[in-house]
Protein backbone atom coordinates (compact mmCIF):
# COMPACT_ATOMS: atom_id res chain seq x y z
CA MET A 1 -30.78 119.30 20.18
CA ARG A 2 -32.07 122.88 20.25
CA ALA A 3 -34.77 123.57 22.80
CA ASP A 4 -35.32 127.29 22.31
CA ILE A 5 -38.66 127.06 20.50
CA PRO A 6 -40.92 129.78 21.93
CA ASN A 7 -43.96 129.00 24.05
CA TYR A 8 -45.94 131.88 22.58
CA MET A 9 -47.53 132.82 19.28
CA PRO A 10 -46.75 136.48 18.49
CA ASP A 11 -49.36 138.67 16.79
CA PHE A 12 -48.16 139.02 13.23
CA ARG A 13 -51.19 140.46 11.42
CA GLU A 14 -49.50 143.83 10.92
CA ASN A 15 -46.01 142.65 9.98
CA ARG A 16 -46.81 139.28 8.41
CA LEU A 17 -45.66 140.09 4.88
CA LYS A 18 -42.54 141.91 6.07
CA VAL A 19 -41.44 138.99 8.25
CA LEU A 20 -42.09 136.47 5.48
CA GLU A 21 -40.15 138.58 2.97
CA GLU A 22 -37.19 138.55 5.33
CA GLN A 23 -37.50 134.83 6.04
CA THR A 24 -37.88 133.75 2.40
CA ALA A 25 -35.11 136.01 1.09
CA LYS A 26 -32.54 133.42 2.20
CA TYR A 27 -34.21 130.91 -0.14
CA GLY A 28 -34.02 133.20 -3.19
CA PHE A 29 -37.33 135.06 -2.95
CA GLY A 30 -37.46 138.83 -3.40
CA GLU A 31 -37.25 141.50 -6.08
CA LYS A 32 -33.53 140.82 -6.55
CA GLY A 33 -33.53 137.19 -5.42
CA ARG A 34 -32.06 134.39 -7.53
CA LEU A 35 -35.47 132.71 -8.09
CA GLY A 36 -37.06 135.71 -9.79
CA ILE A 37 -40.19 135.53 -7.62
CA LYS A 38 -41.48 137.41 -4.59
CA LEU A 39 -44.30 137.29 -2.06
CA ALA A 40 -47.01 139.92 -2.25
CA SER A 41 -50.53 140.64 -1.07
CA VAL A 42 -52.83 139.51 -3.89
CA SER A 43 -56.29 140.47 -2.61
CA LYS A 44 -57.69 143.95 -1.96
CA GLU A 45 -60.57 142.43 0.01
CA ASN A 46 -58.22 140.33 2.15
CA PRO A 47 -54.80 142.04 2.39
CA ILE A 48 -53.22 139.19 4.38
CA GLN A 49 -53.83 136.76 1.50
CA LEU A 50 -50.43 136.26 -0.10
CA GLY A 51 -49.31 134.86 -3.44
CA VAL A 52 -46.19 134.44 -5.56
CA ILE A 53 -45.45 137.16 -8.13
CA ALA A 54 -42.99 136.91 -11.02
CA CYS A 55 -40.11 139.41 -10.82
CA ARG A 56 -39.07 138.56 -14.39
CA ASP A 57 -40.44 136.79 -17.46
CA PHE A 58 -40.54 132.98 -17.46
CA LYS A 59 -40.62 130.84 -20.61
CA VAL A 60 -42.71 127.68 -20.96
CA GLY A 61 -40.85 124.81 -19.31
CA GLU A 62 -38.64 127.01 -17.15
CA LYS A 63 -38.21 125.79 -13.58
CA ILE A 64 -39.37 128.35 -11.03
CA ILE A 65 -38.55 126.64 -7.72
CA SER A 66 -37.66 123.24 -6.26
CA SER A 67 -38.00 122.19 -2.64
CA ARG A 68 -38.13 119.12 -0.46
CA PRO A 69 -40.69 118.88 2.35
CA TYR A 70 -39.88 120.52 5.67
CA ALA A 71 -41.46 117.54 7.45
CA HIS A 72 -43.16 114.39 6.23
CA VAL A 73 -44.59 111.08 7.43
CA THR A 74 -45.46 107.82 5.68
CA GLU A 75 -47.82 105.01 6.55
CA PRO A 76 -46.12 101.80 7.71
CA LYS A 77 -45.21 99.00 5.30
CA THR A 78 -46.30 100.90 2.17
CA ARG A 79 -43.60 103.49 1.43
CA CYS A 80 -39.95 104.05 2.20
CA ASP A 81 -39.74 106.79 4.82
CA GLY A 82 -36.59 108.13 3.17
CA CYS A 83 -37.45 108.40 -0.54
CA HIS A 84 -41.25 107.80 -0.37
CA LYS A 85 -41.12 105.19 -3.14
CA THR A 86 -43.35 102.12 -3.09
CA LYS A 87 -42.90 98.58 -4.39
CA GLU A 88 -45.18 99.56 -7.28
CA GLU A 89 -42.58 102.20 -8.19
CA GLY A 90 -39.76 99.67 -8.47
CA LEU A 91 -38.58 99.00 -4.91
CA GLU A 92 -37.47 95.39 -4.42
CA LYS A 93 -38.08 95.34 -0.69
CA LEU A 94 -39.00 97.43 2.34
CA SER A 95 -37.50 96.62 5.75
CA LEU A 96 -39.05 97.78 9.01
CA CYS A 97 -36.94 99.79 11.43
CA GLY A 98 -35.48 97.42 14.04
CA GLY A 99 -36.16 99.89 16.84
CA CYS A 100 -39.84 100.80 16.37
CA SER A 101 -41.07 98.25 13.79
CA PHE A 102 -43.18 101.05 12.33
CA TYR A 103 -41.37 103.02 9.63
CA ALA A 104 -39.94 101.12 6.66
CA TYR A 105 -36.84 101.77 4.53
CA CYS A 106 -35.66 100.52 1.16
CA SER A 107 -31.95 100.94 1.90
CA ARG A 108 -29.44 101.90 4.56
CA LYS A 109 -28.97 105.17 2.70
CA CYS A 110 -32.62 106.13 3.22
CA GLN A 111 -32.54 104.98 6.84
CA ALA A 112 -29.42 107.09 7.48
CA LEU A 113 -31.08 110.07 5.78
CA MET A 114 -33.98 109.98 8.25
CA TRP A 115 -32.03 108.94 11.36
CA PRO A 116 -31.27 112.50 12.63
CA VAL A 117 -35.03 112.96 13.14
CA HIS A 118 -36.14 109.37 13.64
CA LYS A 119 -33.72 108.60 16.48
CA PHE A 120 -35.67 110.97 18.75
CA GLU A 121 -39.05 109.38 17.98
CA CYS A 122 -38.06 105.73 17.45
CA LYS A 123 -38.42 104.27 20.95
CA LYS A 124 -41.10 106.79 21.89
CA LEU A 125 -43.37 105.42 19.18
CA LEU A 126 -43.32 102.04 20.94
CA GLN A 127 -43.80 103.67 24.35
CA TYR A 128 -46.79 105.55 22.96
CA LYS A 129 -48.28 102.32 21.58
CA MET A 130 -47.91 100.62 24.97
CA ILE A 131 -49.84 103.47 26.64
CA ALA A 132 -52.47 104.16 23.94
CA GLY A 133 -52.80 100.67 22.47
CA GLN A 134 -51.92 101.88 18.97
CA PHE A 135 -49.35 103.96 17.14
CA PRO A 136 -50.02 107.73 16.99
CA SER A 137 -52.09 109.15 14.14
CA LYS A 138 -50.59 110.57 10.98
CA THR A 139 -51.37 114.14 12.05
CA THR A 140 -49.77 113.63 15.47
CA ARG A 141 -46.63 112.13 13.95
CA LEU A 142 -46.41 114.96 11.43
CA CYS A 143 -46.66 117.59 14.14
CA ALA A 144 -44.00 115.82 16.20
CA ARG A 145 -41.64 115.70 13.21
CA LEU A 146 -42.28 119.35 12.47
CA ILE A 147 -41.20 120.25 16.02
CA LEU A 148 -38.21 117.87 15.89
CA THR A 149 -37.04 119.34 12.57
CA ALA A 150 -37.17 122.82 14.08
CA ARG A 151 -35.22 121.74 17.16
CA LEU A 152 -32.53 120.20 14.98
CA ASN A 153 -32.27 123.54 13.14
CA GLN A 154 -32.80 121.87 9.75
CA THR A 155 -33.66 124.90 7.64
CA GLU A 156 -32.82 123.78 4.09
CA ASN A 157 -36.50 123.63 3.07
CA GLY A 158 -38.08 126.27 5.27
CA THR A 159 -38.36 127.21 8.91
CA LEU A 160 -40.94 126.90 11.64
CA GLU A 161 -41.23 130.68 11.63
CA ILE A 162 -42.26 130.65 7.95
CA ILE A 163 -44.95 128.07 8.71
CA ASP A 164 -46.01 130.17 11.71
CA LYS A 165 -46.46 133.27 9.57
CA MET A 166 -48.03 131.62 6.54
CA ILE A 167 -51.60 131.72 7.75
CA ASP A 168 -53.59 133.63 10.28
CA ILE A 169 -54.13 132.15 13.73
CA LYS A 170 -57.35 130.14 13.68
CA ASP A 171 -59.86 131.06 16.37
CA ASP A 172 -60.55 127.63 17.84
CA SER A 173 -63.70 128.89 19.55
CA THR A 174 -65.47 129.17 16.19
CA ASP A 175 -65.27 125.41 15.65
CA ILE A 176 -65.83 123.35 18.79
CA GLY A 177 -65.20 120.03 17.03
CA MET A 178 -61.94 121.27 15.59
CA ALA A 179 -60.92 122.78 18.93
CA GLU A 180 -61.46 119.47 20.73
CA SER A 181 -59.56 117.59 18.02
CA VAL A 182 -56.63 120.01 18.15
CA ASP A 183 -56.58 119.91 21.95
CA GLY A 184 -56.39 116.13 21.91
CA LEU A 185 -53.74 116.00 19.21
CA SER A 186 -51.54 118.54 20.95
CA LYS A 187 -51.70 116.55 24.19
CA PHE A 188 -50.72 113.43 22.24
CA THR A 189 -47.79 115.33 20.74
CA ILE A 190 -46.64 116.41 24.19
CA THR A 191 -46.78 112.74 25.26
CA LEU A 192 -44.94 111.56 22.16
CA LEU A 193 -42.14 114.11 22.53
CA GLN A 194 -42.16 113.89 26.34
CA ASP A 195 -42.01 117.67 26.23
CA ASP A 196 -42.75 120.53 28.57
CA PRO A 197 -46.55 120.63 29.14
CA GLY A 198 -46.24 124.42 29.18
CA LYS A 199 -45.90 124.26 25.39
CA LEU A 200 -49.40 122.83 24.97
CA GLU A 201 -50.89 126.09 23.66
CA PHE A 202 -47.95 126.49 21.29
CA TYR A 203 -48.57 123.06 19.73
CA LYS A 204 -52.32 123.68 19.55
CA ALA A 205 -51.70 126.80 17.48
CA TYR A 206 -49.65 124.87 14.91
CA LEU A 207 -51.98 121.89 14.76
CA SER A 208 -54.94 124.18 14.10
CA LYS A 209 -53.25 125.26 10.86
CA PHE A 210 -52.85 121.91 9.14
CA SER A 211 -56.32 120.64 8.27
CA PRO A 212 -58.28 123.88 7.86
CA ASN A 213 -55.78 125.41 5.46
CA GLY A 214 -54.64 122.42 3.45
CA MET A 215 -50.99 123.13 4.22
CA ALA A 216 -50.33 119.42 4.66
CA HIS A 217 -50.61 117.55 1.36
CA GLY A 218 -49.73 114.22 -0.22
CA THR A 219 -51.55 110.91 -0.65
CA PRO A 220 -53.42 108.59 1.75
CA ASP A 221 -50.14 106.85 2.66
CA ASN A 222 -47.84 109.86 2.89
CA THR A 223 -48.30 113.41 4.13
CA LEU A 224 -45.91 116.33 3.94
CA ILE A 225 -45.50 120.03 4.61
CA THR A 226 -43.66 122.00 1.93
CA PRO A 227 -43.88 125.65 3.03
CA LEU A 228 -41.95 127.22 0.14
CA ILE A 229 -44.31 125.55 -2.36
CA SER A 230 -47.41 126.33 -0.28
CA PHE A 231 -47.10 130.05 -1.04
CA PHE A 232 -48.40 129.41 -4.59
CA ASN A 233 -52.16 129.84 -4.93
CA HIS A 234 -54.52 127.59 -6.88
CA SER A 235 -56.07 128.11 -10.29
CA CYS A 236 -57.72 125.53 -12.56
CA ASP A 237 -56.32 127.58 -15.44
CA ALA A 238 -52.84 127.74 -13.91
CA ASN A 239 -49.72 129.15 -15.55
CA GLY A 240 -47.53 126.73 -13.61
CA ILE A 241 -47.45 122.99 -12.99
CA ILE A 242 -46.03 121.07 -10.05
CA HIS A 243 -43.97 117.93 -10.56
CA GLN A 244 -42.73 115.48 -7.95
CA GLN A 245 -39.67 113.28 -8.36
CA ASP A 246 -38.82 111.26 -5.28
CA LEU A 247 -39.22 113.88 -2.53
CA VAL A 248 -38.38 116.93 -4.62
CA TYR A 249 -41.31 119.16 -5.61
CA SER A 250 -40.73 121.55 -8.51
CA VAL A 251 -42.91 124.25 -10.04
CA TYR A 252 -42.50 124.93 -13.78
CA ALA A 253 -44.03 127.55 -16.07
CA ASN A 254 -46.53 125.85 -18.39
CA LYS A 255 -47.48 129.14 -20.07
CA PRO A 256 -45.42 132.26 -20.80
CA ILE A 257 -45.38 134.27 -17.56
CA LYS A 258 -44.77 138.02 -17.63
CA LYS A 259 -43.08 140.04 -14.92
CA GLY A 260 -45.68 141.17 -12.38
CA GLU A 261 -48.09 138.26 -12.97
CA GLU A 262 -49.12 135.97 -10.12
CA ILE A 263 -47.96 132.36 -10.53
CA PHE A 264 -50.46 129.57 -9.82
CA PHE A 265 -50.56 125.81 -10.03
CA ASN A 266 -53.51 123.44 -9.89
CA TYR A 267 -53.89 121.94 -6.40
CA ARG A 268 -56.27 119.19 -7.50
CA SER A 269 -56.64 118.20 -11.15
CA GLY A 270 -60.16 117.06 -11.93
CA ASP A 271 -62.48 116.64 -14.87
CA ASN A 272 -65.49 118.15 -13.12
CA ASN A 273 -65.12 121.75 -11.99
CA ALA A 274 -68.31 121.66 -9.92
CA GLU A 275 -66.97 118.78 -7.81
CA LEU A 276 -63.52 120.38 -7.73
CA ASN A 277 -65.02 123.58 -6.32
CA LYS A 278 -66.49 121.62 -3.41
CA ILE A 279 -63.12 120.02 -2.66
CA LEU A 280 -61.32 123.36 -2.80
CA LYS A 281 -63.82 124.82 -0.33
CA GLU A 282 -63.77 121.87 2.06
CA VAL A 283 -60.04 121.09 2.05
CA TYR A 284 -58.31 124.38 1.20
CA LYS A 285 -61.00 126.91 2.20
CA ILE A 286 -60.70 128.72 -1.15
CA ASP A 287 -62.77 129.63 -4.21
CA CYS A 288 -61.29 129.39 -7.69
CA HIS A 289 -62.04 132.36 -9.97
CA CYS A 290 -60.76 130.96 -13.28
CA ASP A 291 -63.09 131.30 -16.29
CA LYS A 292 -64.34 127.69 -16.02
CA CYS A 293 -65.12 127.91 -12.31
CA THR A 294 -66.75 131.33 -12.73
CA ILE A 295 -69.17 129.83 -15.27
CA VAL A 296 -69.89 126.89 -12.97
CA GLN A 297 -70.55 129.19 -10.00
CA SER A 298 -72.67 131.73 -11.91
CA THR A 299 -74.86 129.20 -13.77
CA GLY A 300 -75.06 126.41 -11.19
CA SER A 301 -73.55 124.08 -13.79
CA LEU A 302 -72.96 120.46 -12.75
CA ASP A 303 -70.15 120.39 -15.36
CA GLN A 304 -71.43 117.03 -16.62
CA TYR A 305 -71.63 117.20 -20.38
CA TYR A 306 -74.05 115.20 -22.48
CA ARG A 307 -74.54 115.06 -26.26
CA CYS A 308 -77.31 116.91 -28.05
CA LYS A 309 -79.52 114.56 -30.07
CA ASP A 310 -81.65 117.29 -31.65
CA THR A 311 -80.18 116.76 -35.11
CA VAL A 312 -77.32 114.72 -36.49
CA ASP A 313 -75.68 117.99 -37.48
CA CYS A 314 -75.66 119.44 -33.94
CA ASN A 315 -73.86 116.93 -31.68
CA GLY A 316 -73.39 119.88 -29.34
CA ARG A 317 -72.56 119.85 -25.65
CA VAL A 318 -75.49 119.67 -23.21
CA ASP A 319 -74.80 121.12 -19.77
CA ILE A 320 -77.00 120.68 -16.70
CA ARG A 321 -77.38 124.07 -15.03
CA ASN A 322 -79.90 126.33 -13.29
CA ASN A 323 -83.19 126.67 -15.16
CA PRO A 324 -83.47 130.41 -15.99
CA ILE A 325 -87.28 130.14 -15.99
CA SER A 326 -87.75 128.30 -12.68
CA PRO A 327 -84.66 128.47 -10.47
CA PRO A 328 -83.40 126.65 -8.41
CA ASP A 329 -84.60 123.81 -10.66
CA THR A 330 -82.03 122.55 -13.16
CA ILE A 331 -82.31 121.68 -16.82
CA GLY A 332 -80.09 120.30 -19.57
CA ILE A 333 -79.30 122.99 -22.16
CA CYS A 334 -77.42 122.46 -25.43
CA LEU A 335 -74.73 125.13 -25.55
CA LYS A 336 -74.79 124.97 -29.36
CA CYS A 337 -78.48 124.91 -30.40
CA SER A 338 -80.23 125.70 -27.04
CA LYS A 339 -82.43 122.57 -27.06
CA THR A 340 -83.43 121.59 -23.50
CA TYR A 341 -83.57 118.17 -21.82
CA PRO A 342 -85.01 116.92 -18.48
CA THR A 343 -82.19 116.74 -15.92
CA GLN A 344 -83.19 113.47 -14.28
CA THR A 345 -83.53 111.67 -17.61
CA LEU A 346 -79.99 112.62 -18.63
CA ILE A 347 -78.53 111.59 -15.28
CA SER A 348 -80.38 108.27 -14.86
CA GLN A 349 -79.73 107.15 -18.45
CA GLY A 350 -76.11 108.20 -18.13
CA ALA A 351 -75.59 106.18 -14.94
CA LYS A 352 -76.88 103.02 -16.64
CA ILE A 353 -74.70 103.58 -19.72
CA LYS A 354 -71.57 104.14 -17.61
CA ASP A 355 -72.31 101.01 -15.60
CA ASN A 356 -72.73 98.95 -18.79
CA LEU A 357 -69.46 100.32 -20.16
CA LYS A 358 -67.55 99.42 -16.99
CA LYS A 359 -69.00 95.91 -17.06
CA ALA A 360 -68.09 95.48 -20.73
CA PHE A 361 -64.43 96.25 -19.98
CA ALA A 362 -64.14 94.56 -16.57
CA PRO A 363 -61.19 92.08 -16.63
CA GLN A 364 -63.35 89.24 -15.29
CA ASN A 365 -66.04 89.86 -17.92
CA ALA A 366 -66.05 87.74 -21.06
CA THR A 367 -67.70 90.45 -23.21
CA THR A 368 -66.68 90.18 -26.87
CA LYS A 369 -64.96 92.95 -28.78
CA ARG A 370 -68.27 93.56 -30.56
CA GLY A 371 -69.99 93.98 -27.17
CA GLN A 372 -67.34 96.46 -26.02
CA ILE A 373 -67.74 98.52 -29.20
CA LEU A 374 -71.53 98.51 -28.75
CA ALA A 375 -71.12 99.78 -25.16
CA LEU A 376 -68.78 102.53 -26.41
CA ASN A 377 -71.24 103.61 -29.11
CA GLN A 378 -74.00 103.88 -26.49
CA TYR A 379 -71.66 105.98 -24.36
CA PHE A 380 -70.78 108.42 -27.14
CA GLU A 381 -74.42 108.65 -28.21
CA HIS A 382 -75.30 109.95 -24.74
CA PHE A 383 -72.16 111.76 -23.50
CA ASP A 384 -70.19 114.56 -25.12
CA VAL A 385 -66.79 113.61 -23.63
CA MET A 386 -65.04 110.77 -21.86
CA ASP A 387 -64.87 111.56 -18.17
CA GLY A 388 -61.67 111.04 -16.18
CA GLU A 389 -62.93 108.00 -14.29
CA LEU A 390 -63.56 106.10 -17.51
CA ILE A 391 -60.34 107.29 -19.12
CA ASN A 392 -58.32 105.81 -16.26
CA LEU A 393 -60.37 102.63 -16.32
CA LEU A 394 -60.35 102.03 -20.03
CA TYR A 395 -57.60 103.52 -22.11
CA GLY A 396 -55.29 100.51 -21.89
CA ALA A 397 -58.11 98.30 -23.17
CA LEU A 398 -59.24 100.96 -25.64
CA ILE A 399 -55.84 100.97 -27.33
CA ASP A 400 -56.06 97.21 -27.79
CA LEU A 401 -59.51 97.59 -29.41
CA ASP A 402 -57.74 99.23 -32.35
CA ILE A 403 -60.16 102.12 -32.82
CA PRO A 404 -57.63 104.96 -32.81
CA PHE A 405 -60.18 107.76 -33.10
CA ILE A 406 -61.46 106.95 -29.60
CA ILE A 407 -57.93 107.53 -28.30
CA LYS A 408 -57.86 110.78 -30.29
CA ARG A 409 -61.16 111.78 -28.63
CA ILE A 410 -59.56 111.33 -25.20
CA GLU A 411 -56.54 113.35 -26.29
CA LEU A 412 -58.74 116.22 -27.51
CA PHE A 413 -60.69 116.15 -24.25
CA LEU A 414 -57.50 116.30 -22.14
CA ILE A 415 -56.12 119.19 -24.20
CA GLU A 416 -59.37 121.15 -23.89
CA LYS A 417 -59.85 120.44 -20.18
CA HIS A 418 -56.28 120.54 -18.86
CA GLY A 419 -54.05 121.94 -21.62
CA ILE A 420 -51.28 120.49 -23.76
CA ASN A 421 -48.68 121.36 -21.11
CA SER A 422 -50.51 119.60 -18.26
CA GLU A 423 -49.04 116.59 -16.51
CA LEU A 424 -52.28 114.69 -17.16
CA TYR A 425 -51.76 115.11 -20.91
CA PHE A 426 -48.12 114.07 -20.55
CA THR A 427 -49.11 110.93 -18.61
CA PHE A 428 -51.62 110.06 -21.34
CA VAL A 429 -49.19 110.28 -24.28
CA TYR A 430 -46.44 108.64 -22.19
CA ILE A 431 -48.66 105.54 -21.82
CA VAL A 432 -50.22 105.54 -25.29
CA GLY A 433 -47.07 106.05 -27.40
CA PRO A 434 -45.05 103.05 -26.16
CA ARG A 435 -48.18 100.86 -26.19
CA TYR A 436 -48.80 101.59 -29.86
CA PHE A 437 -45.12 100.82 -30.51
CA GLU A 438 -45.55 97.41 -28.84
CA LEU A 439 -48.62 96.75 -31.00
CA GLY A 440 -46.72 97.61 -34.19
CA LYS A 441 -48.90 100.65 -35.00
CA SER A 442 -46.05 102.68 -36.45
CA GLN A 443 -47.81 105.91 -37.46
CA LEU A 444 -49.73 106.19 -34.20
CA ALA A 445 -46.66 105.32 -32.13
CA SER A 446 -44.66 107.97 -33.97
CA TYR A 447 -47.34 110.62 -33.39
CA TYR A 448 -47.68 110.02 -29.63
CA LEU A 449 -43.96 109.46 -28.97
CA ASP A 450 -43.27 112.78 -30.70
CA LYS A 451 -45.72 114.38 -28.24
CA VAL A 452 -43.89 112.78 -25.30
CA LEU A 453 -40.50 114.08 -26.38
CA GLU A 454 -41.95 117.48 -27.27
CA PHE A 455 -43.22 117.75 -23.69
CA ASP A 456 -39.84 116.65 -22.35
CA ARG A 457 -38.02 119.26 -24.44
CA LYS A 458 -40.05 121.89 -22.59
CA PHE A 459 -39.87 120.50 -19.05
CA ASN A 460 -37.04 117.92 -19.01
CA LEU A 461 -38.94 115.61 -16.63
CA ILE A 462 -38.15 112.18 -18.08
CA GLU A 463 -35.38 110.19 -16.43
CA LEU A 464 -32.35 109.60 -18.64
CA GLU A 465 -32.79 105.84 -19.20
CA HIS A 466 -36.45 106.31 -20.19
CA LYS A 467 -35.52 109.18 -22.49
CA PHE A 468 -32.95 106.94 -24.18
CA ALA A 469 -35.55 104.19 -24.70
CA LEU A 470 -38.08 106.62 -26.21
CA ASN A 471 -35.51 108.12 -28.57
CA HIS A 472 -34.47 104.60 -29.57
CA MET A 473 -38.09 103.75 -30.48
CA LEU A 474 -38.40 106.85 -32.66
CA ASN A 475 -34.96 106.95 -34.25
CA ILE A 476 -34.45 103.22 -34.80
CA GLY A 477 -37.80 101.44 -34.71
CA LEU A 478 -39.79 104.25 -36.35
CA GLU A 479 -37.18 105.95 -38.49
CA GLY A 480 -38.86 107.97 -41.25
CA VAL A 481 -42.40 107.19 -40.04
CA LYS A 482 -44.73 110.17 -39.65
CA ALA A 483 -48.41 110.15 -38.71
CA ASP A 484 -50.99 112.08 -40.68
CA LYS A 485 -54.69 112.65 -40.01
CA SER A 486 -55.73 109.44 -41.73
CA ALA A 487 -53.94 107.35 -39.08
CA PHE A 488 -56.75 108.10 -36.63
CA GLY A 489 -59.46 106.69 -38.87
CA THR A 490 -62.92 108.15 -39.45
CA PRO A 491 -64.68 110.07 -36.65
CA ASP A 492 -67.81 108.36 -35.34
CA LYS A 493 -71.17 109.95 -36.21
CA TYR A 494 -71.47 111.42 -32.71
CA PHE A 495 -68.29 113.47 -32.97
CA ASP A 496 -68.79 117.25 -33.15
CA SER A 497 -67.43 118.05 -36.63
CA SER A 498 -66.73 121.66 -35.64
CA ILE A 499 -63.83 120.46 -33.44
CA LYS A 500 -60.48 120.55 -35.23
CA TYR A 501 -58.18 117.58 -34.87
């Protein structure tokens, strides 16, 4: 194993971009690189802020880059440490490692894949547990694997030097709590690796980068560092999308991208830009300057849209935002007719209506179909759109209610909020199309399955066996069937008639 990792953190503020250009060139970055992208300073106010710039035009659906994580960790008994799949994703079984009884694997192939790194930590995990009374934290294990990967000279998906140069050194003295946390974690890492205590400051410098800068990402039961992907900045109105298949992360163009444009993807998809802004600040330490977020920031909008009840003809969108007459008070303002509403009334009534809707569709609830429709009508009378929480909770049951225009409402909302090339829209049609096919709703199944395959023609994300099944539904089960507008039924009286569908 290599042991020549430096004990120091060189000052790179002056040559940061130059060093990163040299380091990433071997992965295809650069003006003449095979990827057609390069790193560049993207902020006049903060010259060390970097982003990814297109060196050529990209068409919608074109893959920009693919990369596996440089280092990753999983939580025990939930995911395979080799492929990161779970039992919910089709794994028949997960077997714990015989050496540490901590990490789990779905096959010998996955165990062999991770063994070059895991063999150095396997017994030490148990030794650590004997001393500390528990296994090391996720952050500690991730740091240890990052160091182990560097020592093994595994550079297929990045290098420690790239991670070193990606962000500025954090001044621990500005955050005592963070400094104490980092100090403790780095000591734990020294213990876990049984390494030279002289490298304590070196480990502290790397650990200080993870949490404050959002470099580590994933889900509650798996965390990873993907440095080549981390160069892309966030935008809610992104021109790229990120897709994960097993442990491969790929960025695709979801809009036409011209040479010289910066390429973004959405770090955290959400239906409420006000809440998303808070997450971006807290987790990633960034502000989004897309049009939607700019409106939210400049108006104080809560991005919670209600329906205007001024006239039957309005049905406009009511937004809660700063009251221009008496700031910082807020008020509900119809963006179509300018009628105003008391903030607290909108919020309190809305909370009750949402709660009633959830109860009406709860699996253990014996509410009749009529009761569910009544709860939906109350919802649409008060709210302008379906929010993401309710979409996830309800759209399986909503399909079975056989009111197709409600499903169309959700589709229109997803297109407006996230775009027709978003993965959220793809997930929606990918669930709805086959379900309508099962229910024998031929026109609706044809419409949504067409959308699924249209998305796949752009991005080629569907696995071959699933693609075959979808084509079979359309070409055999639905041959000659086409959906027209009438298949969605009549819009409810609360639908804004100015919206095209």
